[in-house]
């Protein structure tokens, strides 16, 4: 039987990785029951929720699955970045996860700030809708 079946892989992972991060020792000294549950989480994220990023955003519930997949994948990669040093691999893996997030995932204030900084020379008009106000940019020439 493998360490994945026994859920002991993370018991030794943090002391055997080639380039540990500065806080890897914190993860290494977590209780073993937490590390065993982290193996379950690892399998859940990498085997099941990875498929969520392939769901087309056709309806409201499929958009939710796509967003969930993107957020879970990005959060998992940030956790791996904190617990170990795998150079740029995890940073590159976050990029497709962010592609799953549309504008509605971010707060309105952040969207307004980004849009205002993007093209300051173009006036913007505010379009009101039933759910929330949206900024409409004029078409590019």
N, C-alpha and C. Protein backbone atom coordinates (compact mmCIF):
# COMPACT_ATOMS: atom_id res chain seq x y z
N UNK A 1 0.85 -1.19 0.00
CA UNK A 1 0.00 0.00 0.00
C UNK A 1 0.88 1.24 0.00
N UNK A 2 0.37 2.28 -0.60
CA UNK A 2 1.15 3.50 -0.75
C UNK A 2 0.86 4.49 0.38
N UNK A 3 1.69 5.50 0.44
CA UNK A 3 1.47 6.54 1.46
C UNK A 3 0.20 7.33 1.18
N UNK A 4 -0.26 7.33 -0.09
CA UNK A 4 -1.51 8.02 -0.40
C UNK A 4 -2.70 7.27 0.19
N UNK A 5 -2.65 5.97 0.17
CA UNK A 5 -3.73 5.19 0.76
C UNK A 5 -3.69 5.25 2.28
N UNK A 6 -2.50 5.25 2.84
CA UNK A 6 -2.36 5.34 4.29
C UNK A 6 -2.44 6.78 4.80
N UNK A 7 -2.41 7.73 3.86
CA UNK A 7 -2.51 9.16 4.17
C UNK A 7 -1.36 9.65 5.05
N UNK A 8 -0.17 9.17 4.76
CA UNK A 8 1.01 9.57 5.53
C UNK A 8 2.02 10.35 4.68
N UNK A 9 1.67 10.68 3.45
CA UNK A 9 2.63 11.34 2.56
C UNK A 9 3.17 12.65 3.12
N UNK A 10 2.32 13.44 3.72
CA UNK A 10 2.76 14.74 4.22
C UNK A 10 3.49 14.66 5.55
N UNK A 11 3.52 13.50 6.16
CA UNK A 11 4.25 13.37 7.42
C UNK A 11 5.74 13.61 7.20
N UNK A 12 6.24 13.26 6.02
CA UNK A 12 7.67 13.37 5.74
C UNK A 12 7.99 14.31 4.58
N UNK A 13 6.97 14.78 3.90
CA UNK A 13 7.19 15.61 2.71
C UNK A 13 7.99 16.88 3.02
N UNK A 14 7.63 17.56 4.08
CA UNK A 14 8.24 18.87 4.35
C UNK A 14 9.70 18.76 4.78
N UNK A 15 10.13 17.61 5.29
CA UNK A 15 11.55 17.46 5.66
C UNK A 15 12.37 16.86 4.52
N UNK A 16 11.71 16.38 3.46
CA UNK A 16 12.45 15.76 2.36
C UNK A 16 12.39 16.57 1.08
N UNK A 17 11.64 17.67 1.04
CA UNK A 17 11.60 18.44 -0.19
C UNK A 17 12.95 19.14 -0.42
N UNK A 18 13.35 19.31 -1.68
CA UNK A 18 14.69 19.81 -1.97
C UNK A 18 14.94 21.24 -1.53
N UNK A 19 13.98 22.13 -1.71
CA UNK A 19 14.16 23.54 -1.34
C UNK A 19 12.99 24.00 -0.49
N UNK A 20 13.03 23.77 0.80
CA UNK A 20 11.90 24.19 1.64
C UNK A 20 11.82 25.71 1.72
N UNK A 21 10.61 26.20 1.91
CA UNK A 21 10.42 27.64 2.08
C UNK A 21 10.78 28.00 3.52
N UNK A 22 10.89 29.29 3.81
CA UNK A 22 11.24 29.70 5.19
C UNK A 22 10.24 29.25 6.24
N UNK A 23 8.99 29.02 5.86
CA UNK A 23 8.00 28.60 6.86
C UNK A 23 7.59 27.14 6.72
N UNK A 24 8.35 26.35 5.97
CA UNK A 24 8.02 24.93 5.81
C UNK A 24 8.04 24.18 7.14
N UNK A 25 8.88 24.63 8.07
CA UNK A 25 8.95 23.94 9.36
C UNK A 25 7.63 24.03 10.12
N UNK A 26 6.88 25.11 9.90
CA UNK A 26 5.57 25.25 10.55
C UNK A 26 4.64 24.14 10.06
N UNK A 27 4.64 23.90 8.76
CA UNK A 27 3.80 22.85 8.20
C UNK A 27 4.29 21.47 8.66
N UNK A 28 5.60 21.30 8.77
CA UNK A 28 6.16 20.01 9.17
C UNK A 28 5.73 19.62 10.59
N UNK A 29 5.63 20.60 11.47
CA UNK A 29 5.30 20.29 12.87
C UNK A 29 3.81 20.36 13.17
N UNK A 30 2.98 20.42 12.15
CA UNK A 30 1.54 20.32 12.39
C UNK A 30 1.21 18.92 12.90
N UNK A 31 0.14 18.77 13.66
CA UNK A 31 -0.23 17.42 14.13
C UNK A 31 -0.48 16.48 12.96
N UNK A 32 -0.17 15.23 13.17
CA UNK A 32 -0.27 14.25 12.08
C UNK A 32 -1.70 14.08 11.58
N UNK A 33 -2.69 14.26 12.43
CA UNK A 33 -4.06 14.11 11.96
C UNK A 33 -4.41 15.23 10.98
N UNK A 34 -3.84 16.43 11.18
CA UNK A 34 -4.07 17.54 10.23
C UNK A 34 -3.38 17.22 8.91
N UNK A 35 -2.16 16.69 8.97
CA UNK A 35 -1.44 16.35 7.75
C UNK A 35 -2.15 15.23 6.99
N UNK A 36 -2.76 14.30 7.70
CA UNK A 36 -3.52 13.23 7.03
C UNK A 36 -4.77 13.79 6.35
N UNK A 37 -5.44 14.76 6.99
CA UNK A 37 -6.59 15.40 6.36
C UNK A 37 -6.14 16.26 5.18
N UNK A 38 -4.93 16.79 5.24
CA UNK A 38 -4.40 17.57 4.13
C UNK A 38 -4.16 16.69 2.90
N UNK A 39 -3.83 15.41 3.12
CA UNK A 39 -3.72 14.48 1.99
C UNK A 39 -5.08 14.30 1.34
N UNK A 40 -6.13 14.19 2.15
CA UNK A 40 -7.49 14.11 1.60
C UNK A 40 -7.82 15.36 0.79
N UNK A 41 -7.47 16.53 1.33
CA UNK A 41 -7.72 17.78 0.62
C UNK A 41 -6.93 17.83 -0.68
N UNK A 42 -5.69 17.38 -0.64
CA UNK A 42 -4.86 17.35 -1.85
C UNK A 42 -5.51 16.51 -2.93
N UNK A 43 -5.97 15.33 -2.57
CA UNK A 43 -6.63 14.45 -3.54
C UNK A 43 -7.93 15.06 -4.04
N UNK A 44 -8.68 15.68 -3.17
CA UNK A 44 -9.94 16.32 -3.57
C UNK A 44 -9.69 17.42 -4.59
N UNK A 45 -8.70 18.28 -4.31
CA UNK A 45 -8.43 19.40 -5.21
C UNK A 45 -7.86 18.91 -6.53
N UNK A 46 -6.87 18.05 -6.48
CA UNK A 46 -6.17 17.67 -7.71
C UNK A 46 -6.92 16.66 -8.56
N UNK A 47 -7.77 15.84 -7.95
CA UNK A 47 -8.46 14.83 -8.74
C UNK A 47 -9.87 15.29 -9.15
N UNK A 48 -10.58 15.95 -8.26
CA UNK A 48 -11.98 16.27 -8.54
C UNK A 48 -12.22 17.71 -8.97
N UNK A 49 -11.76 18.67 -8.19
CA UNK A 49 -12.09 20.05 -8.53
C UNK A 49 -11.30 20.57 -9.73
N UNK A 50 -10.28 19.86 -10.16
CA UNK A 50 -9.55 20.26 -11.37
C UNK A 50 -10.47 20.22 -12.59
N UNK A 51 -11.46 19.36 -12.57
CA UNK A 51 -12.39 19.27 -13.69
C UNK A 51 -13.33 20.47 -13.75
N UNK A 52 -13.51 21.18 -12.65
CA UNK A 52 -14.41 22.34 -12.63
C UNK A 52 -13.92 23.43 -13.56
N UNK A 53 -12.63 23.54 -13.77
CA UNK A 53 -12.11 24.62 -14.63
C UNK A 53 -12.43 24.39 -16.10
N UNK A 54 -12.93 23.22 -16.46
CA UNK A 54 -13.29 22.93 -17.84
C UNK A 54 -14.77 23.13 -18.12
N UNK A 55 -15.54 23.49 -17.10
CA UNK A 55 -16.99 23.67 -17.27
C UNK A 55 -17.25 24.98 -18.02
N UNK A 56 -18.03 24.92 -19.11
CA UNK A 56 -18.34 26.16 -19.82
C UNK A 56 -19.32 27.03 -19.02
N UNK A 57 -19.08 28.34 -18.95
CA UNK A 57 -19.95 29.22 -18.15
C UNK A 57 -21.24 29.58 -18.87
N UNK A 58 -22.08 28.61 -19.13
CA UNK A 58 -23.31 28.83 -19.90
C UNK A 58 -24.44 29.34 -19.01
N UNK A 59 -24.66 28.68 -17.91
CA UNK A 59 -25.74 29.06 -17.01
C UNK A 59 -25.17 29.51 -15.67
N UNK A 60 -26.05 29.98 -14.81
CA UNK A 60 -25.60 30.50 -13.51
C UNK A 60 -24.88 29.45 -12.67
N UNK A 61 -25.42 28.23 -12.63
CA UNK A 61 -24.80 27.19 -11.79
C UNK A 61 -23.48 26.72 -12.38
N UNK A 62 -23.33 26.73 -13.72
CA UNK A 62 -22.04 26.34 -14.29
C UNK A 62 -20.99 27.43 -14.08
N UNK A 63 -21.43 28.69 -14.05
CA UNK A 63 -20.49 29.77 -13.71
C UNK A 63 -19.99 29.59 -12.28
N UNK A 64 -20.89 29.17 -11.40
CA UNK A 64 -20.50 28.92 -10.01
C UNK A 64 -19.47 27.81 -9.90
N UNK A 65 -19.67 26.73 -10.67
CA UNK A 65 -18.68 25.64 -10.66
C UNK A 65 -17.33 26.12 -11.19
N UNK A 66 -17.36 26.91 -12.26
CA UNK A 66 -16.13 27.42 -12.85
C UNK A 66 -15.39 28.32 -11.85
N UNK A 67 -16.13 29.23 -11.22
CA UNK A 67 -15.53 30.11 -10.21
C UNK A 67 -14.97 29.32 -9.03
N UNK A 68 -15.75 28.35 -8.57
CA UNK A 68 -15.31 27.51 -7.46
C UNK A 68 -14.01 26.79 -7.82
N UNK A 69 -13.95 26.24 -9.01
CA UNK A 69 -12.73 25.57 -9.46
C UNK A 69 -11.54 26.50 -9.50
N UNK A 70 -11.74 27.71 -9.99
CA UNK A 70 -10.65 28.68 -10.06
C UNK A 70 -10.17 29.11 -8.69
N UNK A 71 -11.11 29.38 -7.79
CA UNK A 71 -10.74 29.82 -6.44
C UNK A 71 -10.04 28.71 -5.67
N UNK A 72 -10.56 27.48 -5.78
CA UNK A 72 -9.96 26.35 -5.07
C UNK A 72 -8.55 26.08 -5.60
N UNK A 73 -8.40 26.08 -6.92
CA UNK A 73 -7.08 25.82 -7.51
C UNK A 73 -6.08 26.92 -7.12
N UNK A 74 -6.48 28.18 -7.20
CA UNK A 74 -5.57 29.28 -6.84
C UNK A 74 -5.21 29.21 -5.36
N UNK A 75 -6.20 28.97 -4.51
CA UNK A 75 -5.91 28.86 -3.07
C UNK A 75 -4.99 27.71 -2.75
N UNK A 76 -5.19 26.59 -3.41
CA UNK A 76 -4.33 25.43 -3.19
C UNK A 76 -2.90 25.72 -3.63
N UNK A 77 -2.75 26.39 -4.75
CA UNK A 77 -1.40 26.72 -5.22
C UNK A 77 -0.72 27.73 -4.30
N UNK A 78 -1.47 28.66 -3.75
CA UNK A 78 -0.89 29.61 -2.79
C UNK A 78 -0.43 28.86 -1.54
N UNK A 79 -1.20 27.88 -1.10
CA UNK A 79 -0.79 27.05 0.03
C UNK A 79 0.51 26.31 -0.27
N UNK A 80 0.62 25.77 -1.48
CA UNK A 80 1.86 25.07 -1.86
C UNK A 80 3.04 26.03 -1.94
N UNK A 81 2.80 27.24 -2.42
CA UNK A 81 3.87 28.26 -2.47
C UNK A 81 4.36 28.56 -1.07
N UNK A 82 3.44 28.67 -0.11
CA UNK A 82 3.83 28.96 1.26
C UNK A 82 4.57 27.79 1.92
N UNK A 83 4.18 26.57 1.59
CA UNK A 83 4.75 25.42 2.28
C UNK A 83 6.01 24.85 1.62
N UNK A 84 6.28 25.22 0.40
CA UNK A 84 7.46 24.68 -0.27
C UNK A 84 7.92 25.56 -1.40
N UNK A 85 9.15 25.40 -1.81
CA UNK A 85 9.72 26.23 -2.85
C UNK A 85 9.80 25.41 -4.13
N UNK A 86 8.85 25.61 -5.01
CA UNK A 86 8.85 24.91 -6.29
C UNK A 86 9.06 25.90 -7.43
N UNK A 87 9.85 26.93 -7.18
CA UNK A 87 10.21 27.96 -8.15
C UNK A 87 8.96 28.61 -8.74
N UNK A 88 8.89 28.69 -10.05
CA UNK A 88 7.78 29.39 -10.68
C UNK A 88 6.64 28.47 -11.08
N UNK A 89 6.75 27.18 -10.83
CA UNK A 89 5.74 26.22 -11.26
C UNK A 89 4.36 26.56 -10.71
N UNK A 90 4.25 26.82 -9.42
CA UNK A 90 2.94 27.12 -8.83
C UNK A 90 2.42 28.49 -9.25
N UNK A 91 3.34 29.42 -9.47
CA UNK A 91 2.91 30.73 -9.96
C UNK A 91 2.29 30.60 -11.35
N UNK A 92 2.86 29.76 -12.20
CA UNK A 92 2.30 29.53 -13.53
C UNK A 92 0.97 28.79 -13.46
N UNK A 93 0.81 27.94 -12.46
CA UNK A 93 -0.43 27.18 -12.33
C UNK A 93 -1.57 28.07 -11.86
N UNK A 94 -1.27 29.16 -11.20
CA UNK A 94 -2.31 30.08 -10.75
C UNK A 94 -2.91 30.85 -11.93
N UNK A 95 -2.15 31.10 -12.98
CA UNK A 95 -2.63 31.90 -14.11
C UNK A 95 -3.89 31.30 -14.74
N UNK A 96 -3.92 30.01 -15.11
CA UNK A 96 -5.19 29.49 -15.65
C UNK A 96 -6.32 29.47 -14.63
N UNK A 97 -5.98 29.37 -13.36
CA UNK A 97 -7.03 29.39 -12.34
C UNK A 97 -7.70 30.77 -12.29
N UNK A 98 -6.92 31.83 -12.44
CA UNK A 98 -7.50 33.17 -12.46
C UNK A 98 -8.35 33.41 -13.71
N UNK A 99 -8.08 32.67 -14.77
CA UNK A 99 -8.89 32.80 -15.98
C UNK A 99 -10.32 32.32 -15.74
N UNK A 100 -10.54 31.56 -14.70
CA UNK A 100 -11.89 31.07 -14.37
C UNK A 100 -12.73 32.13 -13.67
N UNK A 101 -12.12 33.21 -13.24
CA UNK A 101 -12.82 34.23 -12.47
C UNK A 101 -13.23 35.37 -13.39
N UNK A 102 -14.51 35.67 -13.44
CA UNK A 102 -14.96 36.79 -14.24
C UNK A 102 -15.05 38.05 -13.39
N UNK A 103 -15.48 39.15 -13.99
CA UNK A 103 -15.50 40.43 -13.29
C UNK A 103 -16.40 40.44 -12.07
N UNK A 104 -17.46 39.65 -12.09
CA UNK A 104 -18.40 39.65 -10.98
C UNK A 104 -17.82 39.02 -9.71
N UNK A 105 -16.69 38.34 -9.82
CA UNK A 105 -16.04 37.74 -8.65
C UNK A 105 -15.33 38.77 -7.78
N UNK A 106 -15.07 39.92 -8.34
CA UNK A 106 -14.31 40.94 -7.62
C UNK A 106 -15.23 42.04 -7.13
N UNK A 107 -14.90 42.68 -6.01
CA UNK A 107 -15.74 43.76 -5.49
C UNK A 107 -15.87 44.92 -6.48
N UNK A 108 -17.01 45.59 -6.45
CA UNK A 108 -17.27 46.69 -7.37
C UNK A 108 -16.23 47.79 -7.23
N UNK A 109 -15.81 48.09 -6.01
CA UNK A 109 -14.81 49.15 -5.81
C UNK A 109 -13.50 48.81 -6.51
N UNK A 110 -13.11 47.55 -6.46
CA UNK A 110 -11.87 47.14 -7.13
C UNK A 110 -12.02 47.23 -8.65
N UNK A 111 -13.17 46.83 -9.16
CA UNK A 111 -13.40 46.93 -10.61
C UNK A 111 -13.38 48.38 -11.06
N UNK A 112 -14.02 49.26 -10.28
CA UNK A 112 -14.03 50.68 -10.64
C UNK A 112 -12.62 51.26 -10.62
N UNK A 113 -11.83 50.86 -9.62
CA UNK A 113 -10.46 51.35 -9.51
C UNK A 113 -9.62 50.91 -10.70
N UNK A 114 -9.74 49.65 -11.07
CA UNK A 114 -8.96 49.13 -12.20
C UNK A 114 -9.40 49.78 -13.50
N UNK A 115 -10.69 49.93 -13.71
CA UNK A 115 -11.19 50.54 -14.94
C UNK A 115 -10.78 52.01 -15.03
N UNK A 116 -10.79 52.70 -13.91
CA UNK A 116 -10.41 54.12 -13.91
C UNK A 116 -8.94 54.29 -14.22
N UNK A 117 -8.11 53.36 -13.82
CA UNK A 117 -6.67 53.47 -14.07
C UNK A 117 -6.29 52.97 -15.46
N UNK A 118 -7.14 52.17 -16.06
CA UNK A 118 -6.79 51.56 -17.34
C UNK A 118 -6.67 52.59 -18.46
N UNK A 119 -7.71 53.40 -18.65
CA UNK A 119 -7.72 54.38 -19.73
C UNK A 119 -8.27 55.70 -19.20
N UNK A 120 -7.43 56.51 -18.58
CA UNK A 120 -7.94 57.74 -17.97
C UNK A 120 -8.38 58.79 -18.98
N UNK A 121 -7.96 58.70 -20.24
CA UNK A 121 -8.31 59.70 -21.24
C UNK A 121 -9.71 59.51 -21.81
N UNK A 122 -10.34 58.37 -21.58
CA UNK A 122 -11.65 58.07 -22.14
C UNK A 122 -12.72 58.26 -21.08
N UNK A 123 -13.73 59.10 -21.36
CA UNK A 123 -14.80 59.26 -20.36
C UNK A 123 -15.64 57.99 -20.27
N UNK A 124 -16.13 57.73 -19.06
CA UNK A 124 -16.93 56.55 -18.82
C UNK A 124 -18.35 56.97 -18.45
N UNK A 125 -19.28 56.12 -18.84
CA UNK A 125 -20.65 56.36 -18.43
C UNK A 125 -21.10 55.21 -17.57
N UNK A 126 -21.97 55.49 -16.66
CA UNK A 126 -22.45 54.49 -15.72
C UNK A 126 -23.78 53.96 -16.21
N UNK A 127 -23.87 52.65 -16.39
CA UNK A 127 -25.10 52.02 -16.83
C UNK A 127 -25.71 51.31 -15.64
N UNK A 128 -26.94 51.64 -15.32
CA UNK A 128 -27.56 50.98 -14.17
C UNK A 128 -28.37 49.79 -14.66
N UNK A 129 -28.29 48.73 -13.88
CA UNK A 129 -29.07 47.54 -14.17
C UNK A 129 -29.81 47.14 -12.90
N UNK A 130 -30.54 46.07 -12.99
CA UNK A 130 -31.33 45.65 -11.83
C UNK A 130 -30.46 45.12 -10.70
N UNK A 131 -29.29 44.52 -11.01
CA UNK A 131 -28.49 43.91 -9.95
C UNK A 131 -27.50 44.91 -9.34
N UNK A 132 -26.67 45.53 -10.16
CA UNK A 132 -25.69 46.47 -9.65
C UNK A 132 -25.23 47.35 -10.79
N UNK A 133 -24.75 48.57 -10.49
CA UNK A 133 -24.27 49.43 -11.57
C UNK A 133 -23.01 48.86 -12.22
N UNK A 134 -22.92 49.04 -13.50
CA UNK A 134 -21.76 48.54 -14.24
C UNK A 134 -21.15 49.70 -15.03
N UNK A 135 -19.86 49.65 -15.18
CA UNK A 135 -19.17 50.65 -15.97
C UNK A 135 -19.09 50.16 -17.40
N UNK A 136 -19.48 51.00 -18.32
CA UNK A 136 -19.46 50.64 -19.72
C UNK A 136 -18.38 51.47 -20.41
N UNK A 137 -17.42 50.81 -21.00
CA UNK A 137 -16.36 51.49 -21.71
C UNK A 137 -16.76 51.68 -23.16
N UNK A 138 -16.41 52.82 -23.76
CA UNK A 138 -16.70 53.00 -25.19
C UNK A 138 -15.84 52.03 -26.01
N UNK A 139 -16.27 51.68 -27.20
CA UNK A 139 -15.48 50.74 -28.00
C UNK A 139 -14.15 51.36 -28.42
N UNK A 140 -13.15 50.51 -28.55
CA UNK A 140 -11.83 50.98 -28.99
C UNK A 140 -11.85 51.21 -30.49
N UNK A 141 -11.11 52.19 -30.91
CA UNK A 141 -11.03 52.48 -32.34
C UNK A 141 -9.85 51.81 -32.97
